[in-house]
């Protein structure tokens, strides 16, 4: 039986071996597939896809527009979650230094340090809420007094307008009058129809406005304010949860390097300086208004602190906010002017002299860029978006600096126009 088994050394077996290589050679000789080839003059980036600069603009422009619209819609519809998240990120920049201090100086474990820091922040917010509640109660008690004062101001303004309207109309109705007697005679003859019509129309509008003021539902306004406070309380709980995870999951000192290190450094510097200058502004404004004797001085000081985070526009609004209360509360013009002028000087000094020297070029954004960012983020996220506009735009600029095609846009955000070729 050993004779029936073919020997591997025999020629008939060896003759079958070259068949496979010949078949492989015939396959390799055919045309190669072209789906792995790159277009001419295009080099691989080492990452997914091809360089965007080599794609025709007719393709990239519509895609970029669609991407921008998609991102805008996503930011708008996800604002109930994104706004608390961004606010929690900004608050974490305040909590982390306190946690690091407790960990280094008090030798507390990081978990305990996080709890202590959050407890301190919570007490601070509770104190602010108590001050706001006391001010709202004061407003509720003095509401009827404010209504009566507004009605008196309306009557006073009505008398002034009527008096000047009569004088102006008499001048136009009697251009050729030689003396005051002829003016009075023309008035008695019934040439004051325009004046009578204007007076009647103004009195009608005056009565409508007075009726609206008298029936102004202060209780409903206060109830709406309390509902807003309840809504913000729910958001505060969500923010608190976000802050716990953000601070707890972060190391004592993040040394990541690269773009994240630059973002972290600039945003931290901006937040710390802005909090310090805003706190100084709020304390000074609140103290000055309290010394003058303005009602709700604490609330206006708190609003000055918050609105100072909104570049340019915030300080103007914070300066003008006490004006209606001052006009209703005081009988003379002197205290009203003090309520506007002194806080305005404080805002101007801190915002234009002290803050720029401390902050330097932390954000590297042009003022026009900041204003446009305020409008854009204000449309998307409301007042909260205006608070976040500057740091978010700064982060976008840092990212654009690291993208080859984004440097021209980054230069525009900084106020540098592209050079002509």
Protein backbone atom coordinates (compact mmCIF):
# COMPACT_ATOMS: atom_id res chain seq x y z
CA UNK A 1 0.00 0.00 0.00
CA UNK A 2 2.95 2.25 0.43
CA UNK A 3 3.40 2.05 -3.36
CA UNK A 4 -0.05 3.68 -3.91
CA UNK A 5 0.78 6.82 -1.86
CA UNK A 6 2.26 9.49 -4.11
CA UNK A 7 5.73 10.65 -3.29
CA UNK A 8 6.09 14.39 -2.84
CA UNK A 9 9.44 14.21 -4.57
CA UNK A 10 7.95 12.75 -7.75
CA UNK A 11 7.70 15.03 -10.83
CA UNK A 12 3.91 14.65 -11.22
CA UNK A 13 3.26 16.27 -7.86
CA UNK A 14 5.84 19.02 -8.33
CA UNK A 15 4.35 19.95 -11.72
CA UNK A 16 1.14 21.12 -10.00
CA UNK A 17 2.83 23.70 -7.73
CA UNK A 18 3.40 26.52 -10.30
CA UNK A 19 -0.32 26.66 -11.12
CA UNK A 20 -1.26 28.90 -8.14
CA UNK A 21 1.43 31.54 -8.72
CA UNK A 22 0.42 31.73 -12.35
CA UNK A 23 -3.18 32.34 -11.34
CA UNK A 24 -2.10 35.06 -8.87
CA UNK A 25 0.06 36.65 -11.50
CA UNK A 26 -2.88 36.76 -13.87
CA UNK A 27 -4.97 38.54 -11.23
CA UNK A 28 -2.25 41.09 -10.45
CA UNK A 29 -1.83 41.80 -14.12
CA UNK A 30 -5.38 43.21 -14.31
CA UNK A 31 -6.36 46.86 -13.69
CA UNK A 32 -5.91 48.07 -10.11
CA UNK A 33 -8.92 49.48 -8.22
CA UNK A 34 -8.90 53.30 -8.07
CA UNK A 35 -11.08 53.94 -5.00
CA UNK A 36 -8.04 54.19 -2.70
CA UNK A 37 -6.25 56.76 -4.83
CA UNK A 38 -6.12 60.45 -3.80
CA UNK A 39 -6.99 63.26 -6.21
CA UNK A 40 -3.99 64.87 -7.91
CA UNK A 41 -1.97 67.38 -5.85
CA UNK A 42 -3.79 66.41 -2.64
CA UNK A 43 -1.83 65.13 0.33
CA UNK A 44 -3.32 63.13 3.15
CA UNK A 45 -3.65 64.91 6.49
CA UNK A 46 -3.04 61.83 8.59
CA UNK A 47 -6.57 62.17 9.95
CA UNK A 48 -10.02 61.31 8.69
CA UNK A 49 -10.86 62.77 5.29
CA UNK A 50 -9.06 65.18 2.99
CA UNK A 51 -7.86 68.77 3.57
CA UNK A 52 -10.77 71.19 3.43
CA UNK A 53 -8.67 73.76 1.59
CA UNK A 54 -8.47 71.48 -1.46
CA UNK A 55 -12.25 71.08 -1.74
CA UNK A 56 -13.96 73.55 -4.13
CA UNK A 57 -15.63 76.55 -2.49
CA UNK A 58 -18.89 75.72 -4.24
CA UNK A 59 -18.99 72.59 -2.08
CA UNK A 60 -17.66 73.94 1.22
CA UNK A 61 -19.67 77.18 1.36
CA UNK A 62 -23.14 75.56 1.39
CA UNK A 63 -21.93 72.92 3.82
CA UNK A 64 -20.57 75.55 6.20
CA UNK A 65 -23.81 77.54 6.00
CA UNK A 66 -25.88 74.43 6.73
CA UNK A 67 -23.55 73.51 9.60
CA UNK A 68 -23.83 77.02 11.09
CA UNK A 69 -27.63 76.94 10.85
CA UNK A 70 -27.73 73.49 12.41
CA UNK A 71 -25.50 74.56 15.28
CA UNK A 72 -27.60 77.69 15.82
CA UNK A 73 -30.86 75.72 16.00
CA UNK A 74 -29.25 73.20 18.36
CA UNK A 75 -27.99 75.95 20.66
CA UNK A 76 -31.43 77.59 20.71
CA UNK A 77 -33.55 74.51 21.35
CA UNK A 78 -31.11 73.03 23.89
CA UNK A 79 -30.78 76.24 25.91
CA UNK A 80 -32.69 74.83 28.95
CA UNK A 81 -29.75 72.45 29.44
CA UNK A 82 -26.87 74.38 27.89
CA UNK A 83 -27.42 77.62 29.84
CA UNK A 84 -27.17 75.92 33.28
CA UNK A 85 -24.21 73.88 32.01
CA UNK A 86 -22.26 76.93 30.82
CA UNK A 87 -23.09 78.79 34.03
CA UNK A 88 -21.88 75.78 36.02
CA UNK A 89 -18.62 75.78 34.06
CA UNK A 90 -18.08 79.45 34.89
CA UNK A 91 -18.92 78.88 38.56
CA UNK A 92 -16.49 75.97 38.66
CA UNK A 93 -13.70 78.44 37.86
CA UNK A 94 -14.55 80.15 41.16
CA UNK A 95 -14.91 76.96 43.16
CA UNK A 96 -11.73 75.19 41.99
CA UNK A 97 -9.28 77.77 43.46
CA UNK A 98 -11.11 77.54 46.80
CA UNK A 99 -10.93 73.74 46.71
CA UNK A 100 -7.21 73.87 45.88
CA UNK A 101 -6.66 76.27 48.79
CA UNK A 102 -8.49 74.00 51.23
CA UNK A 103 -6.57 71.01 49.95
CA UNK A 104 -3.15 72.65 50.26
CA UNK A 105 -3.52 74.84 53.35
CA UNK A 106 -6.09 72.95 55.43
CA UNK A 107 -4.81 69.52 54.27
CA UNK A 108 -8.36 68.40 53.55
CA UNK A 109 -9.08 65.55 51.13
CA UNK A 110 -10.25 66.84 47.79
CA UNK A 111 -13.75 65.38 48.18
CA UNK A 112 -14.19 67.16 51.53
CA UNK A 113 -12.77 70.36 50.05
CA UNK A 114 -15.33 70.23 47.24
CA UNK A 115 -18.18 69.84 49.73
CA UNK A 116 -16.91 72.71 51.90
CA UNK A 117 -16.47 75.02 48.90
CA UNK A 118 -19.95 74.23 47.60
CA UNK A 119 -21.38 74.81 51.07
CA UNK A 120 -19.77 78.27 51.16
CA UNK A 121 -21.12 79.10 47.70
CA UNK A 122 -24.58 77.89 48.73
CA UNK A 123 -24.57 80.12 51.82
CA UNK A 124 -23.58 83.05 49.64
CA UNK A 125 -26.50 82.47 47.27
CA UNK A 126 -28.91 82.03 50.19
CA UNK A 127 -27.77 85.37 51.60
CA UNK A 128 -28.31 87.07 48.25
CA UNK A 129 -31.77 85.50 47.95
CA UNK A 130 -32.67 86.77 51.43
CA UNK A 131 -31.63 90.32 50.50
CA UNK A 132 -33.71 90.17 47.33
CA UNK A 133 -36.71 88.85 49.27
CA UNK A 134 -36.47 91.69 51.78
CA UNK A 135 -36.27 94.25 48.97
CA UNK A 136 -39.32 92.76 47.23
CA UNK A 137 -41.29 93.02 50.48
CA UNK A 138 -40.25 96.66 50.75
CA UNK A 139 -41.45 97.27 47.21
CA UNK A 140 -44.78 95.61 48.01
CA UNK A 141 -45.31 97.81 51.08
CA UNK A 142 -44.41 101.05 49.31
CA UNK A 143 -46.23 100.18 46.08
CA UNK A 144 -49.33 102.37 46.71
CA UNK A 145 -47.08 105.30 47.62
CA UNK A 146 -45.19 104.90 44.35
CA UNK A 147 -48.48 104.84 42.43
CA UNK A 148 -49.65 108.11 43.96
CA UNK A 149 -46.31 109.71 43.28
CA UNK A 150 -46.43 108.63 39.63
CA UNK A 151 -49.91 110.18 39.27
CA UNK A 152 -48.62 113.47 40.70
CA UNK A 153 -45.72 113.45 38.27
CA UNK A 154 -48.12 112.82 35.39
CA UNK A 155 -50.30 115.78 36.44
CA UNK A 156 -47.24 117.99 36.79
CA UNK A 157 -46.00 116.99 33.35
CA UNK A 158 -49.47 117.60 31.91
CA UNK A 159 -49.55 121.15 33.27
CA UNK A 160 -46.11 121.93 31.84
CA UNK A 161 -47.00 120.57 28.41
CA UNK A 162 -50.28 122.50 28.32
CA UNK A 163 -48.58 125.73 29.32
CA UNK A 164 -45.86 125.47 26.70
CA UNK A 165 -48.33 124.27 24.08
CA UNK A 166 -50.41 127.41 24.56
CA UNK A 167 -47.39 129.68 24.27
CA UNK A 168 -46.11 128.01 21.10
CA UNK A 169 -49.55 127.98 19.48
CA UNK A 170 -50.10 131.68 20.25
CA UNK A 171 -46.83 132.58 18.60
CA UNK A 172 -47.73 130.69 15.42
CA UNK A 173 -51.34 131.90 15.40
CA UNK A 174 -50.39 135.59 15.74
CA UNK A 175 -47.26 136.17 13.67
CA UNK A 176 -48.15 139.82 13.01
CA UNK A 177 -49.23 140.78 16.50
CA UNK A 178 -47.77 144.05 17.65
CA UNK A 179 -48.35 143.63 21.34
CA UNK A 180 -49.69 141.30 23.96
CA UNK A 181 -53.18 142.86 23.82
CA UNK A 182 -53.64 141.86 20.20
CA UNK A 183 -52.45 138.34 21.04
CA UNK A 184 -55.04 138.08 23.80
CA UNK A 185 -57.72 139.53 21.52
CA UNK A 186 -56.97 136.96 18.82
CA UNK A 187 -57.13 134.20 21.39
CA UNK A 188 -60.51 135.42 22.65
CA UNK A 189 -61.89 135.51 19.10
CA UNK A 190 -61.54 131.78 18.82
CA UNK A 191 -58.25 131.40 16.97
CA UNK A 192 -57.00 128.82 19.47
CA UNK A 193 -58.67 125.81 17.85
CA UNK A 194 -55.37 123.96 17.46
CA UNK A 195 -54.53 124.52 21.10
CA UNK A 196 -57.95 123.33 22.20
CA UNK A 197 -57.66 120.19 20.09
CA UNK A 198 -54.18 119.41 21.42
CA UNK A 199 -55.29 120.00 24.99
CA UNK A 200 -58.30 117.76 24.56
CA UNK A 201 -56.21 114.96 23.02
CA UNK A 202 -53.52 115.25 25.68
CA UNK A 203 -56.05 115.24 28.50
CA UNK A 204 -57.63 112.10 27.06
CA UNK A 205 -54.29 110.30 26.88
CA UNK A 206 -53.43 111.61 30.33
CA UNK A 207 -56.60 110.16 31.83
CA UNK A 208 -55.99 106.82 30.13
CA UNK A 209 -52.45 106.68 31.50
CA UNK A 210 -53.58 107.66 35.00
CA UNK A 211 -56.27 105.00 34.94
CA UNK A 212 -53.67 102.42 33.85
CA UNK A 213 -51.36 103.45 36.68
CA UNK A 214 -54.18 103.34 39.22
CA UNK A 215 -55.22 99.87 38.15
CA UNK A 216 -51.68 98.55 37.86
CA UNK A 217 -51.78 95.07 39.45
CA UNK A 218 -48.75 95.17 41.70
CA UNK A 219 -49.80 91.90 43.30
CA UNK A 220 -49.70 90.16 39.92
CA UNK A 221 -46.31 91.68 39.18
CA UNK A 222 -44.94 90.45 42.48
CA UNK A 223 -46.46 87.02 41.86
CA UNK A 224 -44.75 86.90 38.48
CA UNK A 225 -41.47 87.85 40.12
CA UNK A 226 -41.89 85.04 42.65
CA UNK A 227 -42.63 82.58 39.84
CA UNK A 228 -39.42 83.64 38.13
CA UNK A 229 -37.57 83.16 41.40
CA UNK A 230 -39.00 79.63 41.65
CA UNK A 231 -37.91 78.91 38.08
CA UNK A 232 -34.41 80.13 38.82
CA UNK A 233 -34.38 78.00 41.96
CA UNK A 234 -35.01 74.90 39.85
CA UNK A 235 -32.23 75.95 37.50
CA UNK A 236 -29.99 76.55 40.51
CA UNK A 237 -30.41 72.92 41.57
CA UNK A 238 -29.42 71.75 38.09
CA UNK A 239 -26.43 74.10 38.14
CA UNK A 240 -25.45 72.76 41.56
CA UNK A 241 -25.42 69.19 40.23
CA UNK A 242 -23.32 70.23 37.23
CA UNK A 243 -20.83 72.04 39.46
CA UNK A 244 -20.41 68.98 41.69
CA UNK A 245 -19.48 66.81 38.72
CA UNK A 246 -17.28 69.44 37.09
CA UNK A 247 -15.29 70.23 40.23
CA UNK A 248 -15.20 66.68 41.54
CA UNK A 249 -13.92 65.27 38.27
CA UNK A 250 -11.15 67.81 37.92
CA UNK A 251 -7.67 67.42 39.30
CA UNK A 252 -6.05 69.83 41.67
CA UNK A 253 -4.02 71.39 38.87
CA UNK A 254 -4.77 70.50 35.30
CA UNK A 255 -1.62 70.59 33.19
CA UNK A 256 -2.97 69.38 29.90
CA UNK A 257 -1.09 71.77 27.64
CA UNK A 258 -2.07 72.79 24.15
CA UNK A 259 -5.32 74.44 23.26
CA UNK A 260 -7.13 73.33 26.43
CA UNK A 261 -4.47 74.93 28.60
CA UNK A 262 -4.81 78.22 26.72
CA UNK A 263 -8.61 78.18 26.97
CA UNK A 264 -8.46 77.35 30.66
CA UNK A 265 -5.91 80.09 31.38
CA UNK A 266 -7.73 82.86 29.52
CA UNK A 267 -11.21 82.02 30.77
CA UNK A 268 -9.98 81.64 34.36
CA UNK A 269 -8.20 84.99 34.24
CA UNK A 270 -11.26 86.67 32.73
CA UNK A 271 -13.65 85.18 35.30
CA UNK A 272 -11.47 86.01 38.31
CA UNK A 273 -10.84 89.61 37.24
CA UNK A 274 -14.46 90.14 36.23
CA UNK A 275 -15.78 88.78 39.53
CA UNK A 276 -13.40 90.99 41.52
CA UNK A 277 -14.21 94.19 39.61
CA UNK A 278 -17.94 93.41 39.52
CA UNK A 279 -18.01 92.78 43.26
CA UNK A 280 -16.21 96.09 43.86
CA UNK A 281 -18.69 97.86 41.57
CA UNK A 282 -21.71 96.29 43.26
CA UNK A 283 -20.51 97.09 46.78
CA UNK A 284 -19.70 100.72 45.92
CA UNK A 285 -22.94 101.33 44.01
CA UNK A 286 -25.09 99.70 46.70
CA UNK A 287 -23.34 101.61 49.48
CA UNK A 288 -23.62 104.96 47.68
CA UNK A 289 -27.32 104.48 46.97
CA UNK A 290 -27.92 103.43 50.58
CA UNK A 291 -26.14 106.56 51.85
CA UNK A 292 -28.28 108.72 49.56
CA UNK A 293 -31.32 106.92 51.00
CA UNK A 294 -32.69 105.30 47.86
CA UNK A 295 -35.13 102.45 48.30
CA UNK A 296 -33.99 99.03 47.00
CA UNK A 297 -30.33 100.12 47.23
CA UNK A 298 -29.23 96.53 47.92
CA UNK A 299 -31.06 95.24 44.85
CA UNK A 300 -29.49 97.89 42.64
CA UNK A 301 -26.06 97.03 44.04
CA UNK A 302 -26.66 93.36 43.23
CA UNK A 303 -27.85 94.28 39.73
CA UNK A 304 -24.73 96.39 39.24
CA UNK A 305 -22.64 93.32 40.15
CA UNK A 306 -24.48 91.07 37.69
CA UNK A 307 -24.80 93.56 34.84
CA UNK A 308 -21.10 94.39 35.02
CA UNK A 309 -20.48 90.97 33.43
CA UNK A 310 -22.18 92.29 30.29
CA UNK A 311 -19.53 94.42 28.55
CA UNK A 312 -20.36 98.04 27.71
CA UNK A 313 -24.15 97.70 27.79
CA UNK A 314 -24.37 96.32 31.32
CA UNK A 315 -22.78 99.30 33.05
CA UNK A 316 -25.08 101.74 31.21
CA UNK A 317 -28.19 99.78 32.17
CA UNK A 318 -27.02 99.44 35.79
CA UNK A 319 -26.51 103.21 36.00
CA UNK A 320 -29.97 104.06 34.63
CA UNK A 321 -31.97 101.43 36.53
CA UNK A 322 -32.33 103.43 39.80
CA UNK A 323 -33.66 106.48 37.92
CA UNK A 324 -37.41 105.59 38.00
CA UNK A 325 -37.34 104.81 41.74
CA UNK A 326 -35.43 108.04 42.42
CA UNK A 327 -37.92 110.12 40.44
CA UNK A 328 -40.82 108.58 42.33
CA UNK A 329 -39.20 108.75 45.76
CA UNK A 330 -37.65 112.25 45.85
CA UNK A 331 -39.41 115.61 45.51
CA UNK A 332 -36.34 117.57 44.42
CA UNK A 333 -33.97 117.15 41.50
CA UNK A 334 -30.74 117.05 43.55
CA UNK A 335 -30.99 113.48 44.92
CA UNK A 336 -32.12 112.21 41.52
CA UNK A 337 -28.97 113.60 39.91
CA UNK A 338 -26.79 112.12 42.65
CA UNK A 339 -28.37 108.69 42.13
CA UNK A 340 -27.29 108.81 38.47
CA UNK A 341 -24.01 110.73 38.56
CA UNK A 342 -22.09 109.08 41.41
CA UNK A 343 -22.77 105.43 40.40
CA UNK A 344 -22.04 106.46 36.80
CA UNK A 345 -18.62 107.78 37.84
CA UNK A 346 -17.95 104.52 39.71
CA UNK A 347 -18.91 102.45 36.67
CA UNK A 348 -16.79 104.61 34.37
CA UNK A 349 -13.73 104.50 36.62
CA UNK A 350 -13.76 100.75 37.25
CA UNK A 351 -14.83 99.74 33.75
CA UNK A 352 -12.49 101.99 31.75
CA UNK A 353 -9.48 102.50 34.04
CA UNK A 354 -9.07 99.78 36.66
CA UNK A 355 -10.40 96.70 34.86
CA UNK A 356 -8.41 97.11 31.59
CA UNK A 357 -5.14 97.49 33.51
CA UNK A 358 -5.76 94.35 35.56
CA UNK A 359 -7.19 92.20 32.79
CA UNK A 360 -4.90 93.28 29.97
CA UNK A 361 -5.56 91.30 26.79
CA UNK A 362 -7.16 88.31 28.47
CA UNK A 363 -9.75 87.88 25.73
CA UNK A 364 -8.12 89.70 22.78
CA UNK A 365 -11.50 90.70 21.34
CA UNK A 366 -12.36 93.93 19.55
CA UNK A 367 -15.15 96.01 21.17
CA UNK A 368 -17.27 95.69 18.01
CA UNK A 369 -16.83 91.92 18.21
CA UNK A 370 -18.04 91.98 21.81
CA UNK A 371 -21.13 94.02 20.89
CA UNK A 372 -22.01 91.68 18.02
CA UNK A 373 -21.48 88.71 20.34
CA UNK A 374 -23.84 90.30 22.87
CA UNK A 375 -26.53 90.61 20.21
CA UNK A 376 -26.03 87.08 18.87
CA UNK A 377 -25.94 85.26 22.20
CA UNK A 378 -28.68 87.51 23.57
CA UNK A 379 -30.96 86.38 20.74
CA UNK A 380 -30.10 82.73 21.38
CA UNK A 381 -30.10 82.57 25.19
CA UNK A 382 -31.54 85.87 26.39
CA UNK A 383 -29.95 87.69 29.34
CA UNK A 384 -27.91 84.61 30.26
CA UNK A 385 -26.45 84.57 26.75
CA UNK A 386 -25.33 88.18 27.16
CA UNK A 387 -23.52 87.18 30.35
CA UNK A 388 -21.69 84.37 28.55
CA UNK A 389 -21.07 86.22 25.27
CA UNK A 390 -17.52 87.43 25.93
CA UNK A 391 -15.96 84.20 27.30
CA UNK A 392 -17.71 81.99 24.73
CA UNK A 393 -16.52 84.20 21.88
CA UNK A 394 -13.00 84.15 23.33
CA UNK A 395 -13.04 80.33 23.34
CA UNK A 396 -14.20 80.32 19.70
CA UNK A 397 -11.33 82.66 18.82
CA UNK A 398 -8.77 80.41 20.51
CA UNK A 399 -10.06 77.41 18.58
CA UNK A 400 -9.96 79.37 15.31
CA UNK A 401 -6.32 80.29 16.04
CA UNK A 402 -5.41 76.60 15.93
CA UNK A 403 -7.23 75.89 12.65
CA UNK A 404 -5.23 76.80 9.52
CA UNK A 405 -8.28 78.13 7.69
CA UNK A 406 -9.63 79.92 10.76
CA UNK A 407 -6.83 82.42 11.34
CA UNK A 408 -8.36 85.13 9.10
CA UNK A 409 -11.64 84.90 11.03
CA UNK A 410 -9.74 84.97 14.32
CA UNK A 411 -7.96 88.11 13.16
CA UNK A 412 -11.29 89.76 12.40
CA UNK A 413 -12.54 88.94 15.90
CA UNK A 414 -9.45 90.64 17.29
CA UNK A 415 -9.92 93.64 15.01
CA UNK A 416 -7.13 92.86 12.54
CA UNK A 417 -8.19 93.24 8.93
CA UNK A 418 -6.64 90.81 6.43
CA UNK A 419 -3.78 92.26 4.43
CA UNK A 420 -4.29 92.78 0.71
CA UNK A 421 -2.25 90.49 -1.54
